[in-house]
């Protein structure tokens, strides 16, 4: 699923770098279309939510956990997760999908992540 537009209450979840320099990939799209804030590397910004995927897997996993907690605290929103970490950051779904295990119902994961989680018996 390629996210082009958002309905009311939807949030675009994308991968960022630690500087919040949203210059390429989904980050640029979030900046151009959904209010991502230049210089902000994590969290809700406009109609988007950033996760730092460029500072190593440990940072990525921590931020993914904070994102899932945030999503659980905001059931009124629907979070559309891109293949975070699988573009410019260079990870595969096999490496990062597990970070989203146990996502609340208002988090929509990409099919590639769901396939990994299904094969691990986590969905």
Protein backbone atom coordinates (compact mmCIF):
# COMPACT_ATOMS: atom_id res chain seq x y z
CA UNK A 1 0.00 0.00 0.00
CA UNK A 2 1.44 3.34 -1.02
CA UNK A 3 0.13 6.15 1.14
CA UNK A 4 -0.69 9.23 -0.91
CA UNK A 5 -3.39 10.96 1.13
CA UNK A 6 -4.69 10.83 4.67
CA UNK A 7 -8.25 10.73 5.90
CA UNK A 8 -9.25 12.69 9.00
CA UNK A 9 -7.59 11.15 12.07
CA UNK A 10 -4.90 9.32 10.10
CA UNK A 11 -1.18 9.76 10.77
CA UNK A 12 1.69 8.92 8.38
CA UNK A 13 4.48 7.03 10.23
CA UNK A 14 7.92 7.33 8.63
CA UNK A 15 11.61 6.77 9.24
CA UNK A 16 13.84 9.75 10.01
CA UNK A 17 17.46 10.47 10.87
CA UNK A 18 18.72 11.83 14.20
CA UNK A 19 18.99 15.36 12.80
CA UNK A 20 15.40 15.38 11.55
CA UNK A 21 16.70 16.33 8.12
CA UNK A 22 13.72 15.09 6.11
CA UNK A 23 15.45 15.31 2.75
CA UNK A 24 14.64 11.97 1.12
CA UNK A 25 12.28 9.04 0.86
CA UNK A 26 9.20 8.87 3.07
CA UNK A 27 10.67 11.56 5.34
CA UNK A 28 10.67 14.07 2.51
CA UNK A 29 7.13 13.05 1.60
CA UNK A 30 6.07 13.55 5.24
CA UNK A 31 7.72 16.97 5.28
CA UNK A 32 6.21 18.04 1.97
CA UNK A 33 2.69 16.64 2.49
CA UNK A 34 1.97 15.86 6.13
CA UNK A 35 3.62 18.50 8.29
CA UNK A 36 6.83 16.77 9.39
CA UNK A 37 8.99 19.37 11.13
CA UNK A 38 12.55 19.91 9.90
CA UNK A 39 14.90 19.20 12.80
CA UNK A 40 12.50 16.92 14.71
CA UNK A 41 13.64 13.30 14.55
CA UNK A 42 10.99 11.59 16.67
CA UNK A 43 7.34 11.85 17.51
CA UNK A 44 4.14 13.40 16.30
CA UNK A 45 4.53 16.37 13.98
CA UNK A 46 1.66 17.64 11.91
CA UNK A 47 -0.13 14.60 10.53
CA UNK A 48 2.99 12.46 10.68
CA UNK A 49 5.04 10.57 13.26
CA UNK A 50 8.82 10.14 12.95
CA UNK A 51 10.93 7.21 14.14
CA UNK A 52 14.74 7.53 13.96
CA UNK A 53 15.81 4.57 11.83
CA UNK A 54 19.31 5.83 11.02
CA UNK A 55 21.02 5.66 14.44
CA UNK A 56 21.25 1.88 14.73
CA UNK A 57 18.85 -0.93 15.52
CA UNK A 58 18.87 -0.34 19.29
CA UNK A 59 17.69 3.28 18.88
CA UNK A 60 15.18 2.22 16.24
CA UNK A 61 13.75 -0.48 18.53
CA UNK A 62 13.45 1.95 21.48
CA UNK A 63 11.70 4.55 19.36
CA UNK A 64 9.37 1.95 17.84
CA UNK A 65 8.42 0.95 21.38
CA UNK A 66 7.71 4.57 22.29
CA UNK A 67 5.63 4.91 19.12
CA UNK A 68 3.52 1.85 20.01
CA UNK A 69 2.92 3.27 23.50
CA UNK A 70 1.92 6.62 21.97
CA UNK A 71 -0.45 4.91 19.55
CA UNK A 72 -2.05 2.95 22.41
CA UNK A 73 -2.60 6.23 24.28
CA UNK A 74 -4.30 7.75 21.21
CA UNK A 75 -6.99 5.30 20.04
CA UNK A 76 -8.77 8.19 18.29
CA UNK A 77 -5.98 8.22 15.69
CA UNK A 78 -5.15 5.66 13.01
CA UNK A 79 -1.41 5.27 12.32
CA UNK A 80 -0.37 4.20 8.82
CA UNK A 81 3.14 2.77 9.10
CA UNK A 82 5.39 2.87 6.05
CA UNK A 83 8.17 0.28 5.65
CA UNK A 84 10.17 2.27 8.22
CA UNK A 85 13.85 1.44 8.08
CA UNK A 86 13.60 -0.50 4.83
CA UNK A 87 14.50 2.32 2.44
CA UNK A 88 17.44 4.63 2.96
CA UNK A 89 18.30 3.03 6.35
CA UNK A 90 18.84 -0.28 4.53
CA UNK A 91 17.19 -2.78 6.87
CA UNK A 92 14.95 -5.62 5.77
CA UNK A 93 11.45 -6.33 7.09
CA UNK A 94 12.91 -9.46 8.72
CA UNK A 95 15.22 -7.25 10.79
CA UNK A 96 12.68 -4.67 11.96
CA UNK A 97 9.12 -6.02 11.80
CA UNK A 98 9.48 -7.53 15.27
CA UNK A 99 9.84 -4.03 16.70
CA UNK A 100 6.13 -3.62 15.95
CA UNK A 101 4.99 -6.89 17.57
CA UNK A 102 1.89 -6.31 19.68
CA UNK A 103 0.89 -3.12 17.86
CA UNK A 104 -2.50 -1.82 18.96
CA UNK A 105 -5.45 -2.09 16.58
CA UNK A 106 -5.13 1.53 15.46
CA UNK A 107 -1.70 0.83 13.94
CA UNK A 108 -1.77 -0.33 10.31
CA UNK A 109 1.46 -2.15 9.43
CA UNK A 110 2.77 -2.70 5.91
CA UNK A 111 2.07 -6.14 4.45
CA UNK A 112 5.80 -6.99 4.46
CA UNK A 113 5.93 -6.51 8.25
CA UNK A 114 2.71 -8.48 8.75
CA UNK A 115 4.13 -11.38 6.72
CA UNK A 116 7.21 -11.53 8.97
CA UNK A 117 5.11 -11.33 12.12
CA UNK A 118 2.74 -14.04 10.84
CA UNK A 119 5.63 -16.38 10.05
CA UNK A 120 6.94 -15.84 13.60
CA UNK A 121 3.47 -16.57 15.01
CA UNK A 122 3.26 -13.03 16.39
CA UNK A 123 0.02 -12.03 14.60
